[in-house]
Protein backbone atom coordinates (compact mmCIF):
# COMPACT_ATOMS: atom_id res chain seq x y z
CA MET A 1 104.59 68.49 -45.73
CA ALA A 2 104.81 64.95 -47.06
CA TYR A 3 101.71 62.99 -47.98
CA ILE A 4 101.56 59.26 -48.00
CA HIS A 5 99.69 57.88 -50.91
CA LEU A 6 98.07 54.51 -50.27
CA THR A 7 97.30 52.19 -53.09
CA PRO A 8 93.69 50.97 -53.24
CA ILE A 9 94.78 47.59 -51.84
CA ALA A 10 96.71 49.17 -48.94
CA ALA A 11 93.78 51.48 -48.15
CA ARG A 12 91.42 48.51 -48.11
CA GLN A 13 93.75 46.56 -45.81
CA LYS A 14 93.85 49.54 -43.47
CA ASP A 15 90.03 49.71 -43.46
CA LEU A 16 89.78 45.97 -42.77
CA ALA A 17 92.27 46.22 -39.91
CA PHE A 18 90.24 49.06 -38.37
CA LEU A 19 87.04 47.05 -38.77
CA PHE A 20 88.66 44.00 -37.16
CA VAL A 21 89.77 46.04 -34.13
CA LEU A 22 86.28 47.54 -33.82
CA VAL A 23 84.62 44.09 -33.89
CA VAL A 24 87.03 42.78 -31.23
CA ILE A 25 86.21 45.73 -28.95
CA ILE A 26 82.48 45.19 -29.39
CA LEU A 27 82.73 41.47 -28.70
CA GLN A 28 84.77 42.04 -25.55
CA SER A 29 82.16 44.45 -24.23
CA CYS A 30 79.51 41.72 -24.53
CA THR A 31 81.12 39.30 -22.09
CA GLY A 32 78.69 37.04 -20.30
CA SER A 33 75.01 36.71 -20.87
CA LYS A 34 72.36 38.25 -18.69
CA LYS A 35 70.34 35.98 -16.46
CA ILE A 36 66.71 36.86 -15.88
CA TYR A 37 64.71 35.43 -13.00
CA LYS A 38 60.94 35.96 -13.04
CA SER A 39 57.97 35.22 -10.84
CA GLU A 40 54.32 34.82 -11.70
CA CYS A 41 53.50 37.46 -9.06
CA ASP A 42 52.11 40.75 -10.29
CA ILE A 43 52.51 39.66 -13.91
CA ASN A 44 49.89 42.10 -15.23
CA ILE A 45 50.96 45.12 -13.19
CA PRO A 46 52.92 47.88 -14.93
CA PHE A 47 56.21 48.79 -13.25
CA LYS A 48 57.53 52.35 -13.30
CA ARG A 49 61.22 52.45 -14.25
CA ILE A 50 63.07 54.94 -12.07
CA GLY A 51 66.68 55.84 -11.31
CA PHE A 52 67.99 54.87 -7.89
CA THR A 53 68.87 58.43 -6.83
CA GLN A 54 65.47 59.77 -7.88
CA LEU A 55 63.74 56.92 -6.02
CA ILE A 56 65.65 57.57 -2.78
CA ASP A 57 65.22 61.35 -3.03
CA SER A 58 61.45 61.14 -3.52
CA ILE A 59 60.63 57.77 -1.99
CA LYS A 60 57.49 59.03 -0.23
CA ASN A 61 55.92 59.45 -3.68
CA TYR A 62 56.46 55.75 -4.43
CA ASP A 63 55.00 54.09 -1.32
CA ASN A 64 52.88 51.10 -2.43
CA GLN A 65 53.95 51.67 -6.05
CA TYR A 66 55.41 49.01 -8.33
CA ILE A 67 58.84 50.07 -9.57
CA GLU A 68 61.84 48.86 -11.55
CA VAL A 69 65.24 50.09 -10.39
CA SER A 70 68.86 49.05 -10.75
CA GLY A 71 71.62 49.02 -8.19
CA THR A 72 74.16 46.82 -6.47
CA TYR A 73 72.73 44.00 -4.39
CA LYS A 74 74.55 43.15 -1.17
CA GLU A 75 73.80 40.26 1.11
CA ALA A 76 75.41 39.31 4.38
CA ARG A 77 74.33 38.21 7.80
CA GLU A 78 71.15 40.20 8.49
CA GLN A 79 71.51 42.11 5.21
CA SER A 80 69.60 41.89 1.95
CA ALA A 81 69.79 45.32 0.39
CA LEU A 82 70.06 47.30 -2.82
CA PHE A 83 72.57 50.15 -2.93
CA ASN A 84 73.13 52.89 -5.47
CA ASP A 85 75.91 51.78 -7.83
CA SER A 86 77.11 55.32 -8.48
CA LEU A 87 80.52 56.19 -7.08
CA PHE A 88 79.40 59.70 -6.13
CA VAL A 89 76.65 59.06 -3.58
CA ASP A 90 76.21 57.99 0.02
CA HIS A 91 76.39 54.19 0.29
CA SER A 92 75.13 53.91 3.87
CA ASP A 93 72.18 51.72 4.86
CA ALA A 94 70.09 54.88 5.31
CA HIS A 95 70.35 55.46 1.54
CA ALA A 96 69.69 51.84 0.58
CA LEU A 97 66.59 49.69 0.16
CA TRP A 98 65.93 46.49 2.04
CA ILE A 99 65.02 43.63 -0.31
CA ASN A 100 62.37 41.27 1.00
CA PHE A 101 62.35 38.11 -1.11
CA SER A 102 59.26 36.04 -0.45
CA PRO A 103 58.49 32.35 -1.00
CA ASP A 104 55.09 33.57 -2.19
CA CYS A 105 56.81 34.98 -5.29
CA PRO A 106 59.45 32.38 -6.26
CA LEU A 107 61.89 33.58 -8.91
CA TYR A 108 62.87 31.16 -11.69
CA LEU A 109 65.50 31.48 -14.39
CA THR A 110 63.71 32.23 -17.65
CA GLY A 111 63.01 29.05 -19.61
CA THR A 112 63.81 26.75 -16.68
CA ARG A 113 62.50 25.80 -13.27
CA THR A 114 65.79 26.74 -11.62
CA GLY A 115 65.10 29.04 -8.71
CA LEU A 116 67.22 32.04 -7.77
CA PHE A 117 67.98 30.56 -4.35
CA GLU A 118 68.18 26.97 -5.50
CA VAL A 119 71.44 25.05 -5.14
CA THR A 120 72.77 23.79 -8.49
CA ASP A 121 75.98 22.03 -9.50
CA ASN A 122 77.75 25.38 -9.23
CA GLY A 123 76.24 26.21 -5.81
CA PHE A 124 73.94 29.15 -5.19
CA THR A 125 73.39 31.78 -7.87
CA PRO A 126 76.10 34.41 -7.32
CA ILE A 127 74.16 37.60 -6.65
CA ASN A 128 76.14 39.29 -3.86
CA ASN A 129 77.87 42.53 -4.93
CA LYS A 130 76.33 42.28 -8.39
CA LYS A 131 74.59 45.00 -10.34
CA ILE A 132 70.98 43.97 -10.78
CA ILE A 133 67.71 45.25 -12.15
CA ILE A 134 64.84 44.49 -9.81
CA ARG A 135 61.07 44.90 -9.91
CA GLY A 136 58.88 45.00 -6.87
CA LYS A 137 56.60 47.04 -4.66
CA ILE A 138 57.89 49.83 -2.39
CA ASN A 139 56.85 49.63 1.27
CA LEU A 140 57.87 52.56 3.48
CA HIS A 141 56.39 51.01 6.63
CA ASN A 142 59.01 48.25 6.57
CA ARG A 143 62.52 49.72 6.84
CA GLY A 144 64.42 46.44 6.95
CA HIS A 145 66.74 45.06 9.59
CA GLN A 146 66.59 47.27 12.70
CA GLY A 147 64.81 49.99 10.66
CA LEU A 148 68.11 51.12 9.14
CA TYR A 149 67.00 51.34 5.51
CA LYS A 150 65.05 53.92 3.51
CA GLY A 151 62.29 51.41 2.76
CA THR A 152 61.70 47.94 1.39
CA ILE A 153 61.20 46.44 -2.02
CA GLU A 154 58.77 43.57 -1.53
CA ARG A 155 56.85 41.28 -3.88
CA VAL A 156 60.00 40.94 -5.98
CA SER A 157 58.93 39.51 -9.31
CA PHE A 158 61.93 40.15 -11.56
CA ILE A 159 65.73 40.11 -11.20
CA GLU A 160 68.20 40.61 -14.02
CA LEU A 161 71.82 39.81 -13.27
């Protein structure tokens, strides 16, 4: 078996090359900055962070509770809903949450007065089919458009894109 002996300079160059590749990989994984939209609504209320699947499976335990959950937001004609972003679950409306944005709780980009639904030079904020983190209050008595959804997240006071 042959061994390759590296000189100290060659070994250092190899280490630097590895470090360079590692830094490039890390930087590529950090593409884009997160945008956070907040409201002054419910600012002093603690939100319980919960996984989407757990929330859907035990939603009766969270009625009228303030939660934080992540998922994929989808909007279309007569649709404003949060879906589980896992590839291994049911993605029907019956396993999704209706999102009820309210003008009573306007959401503004942190550090600005730019609203989530405000038209800017680039048009509306692209939120459709995006993974988001959302905070709001669960309401099981409102099941969204035509009662097709598991429940509603209302009093939305935080969105992270």
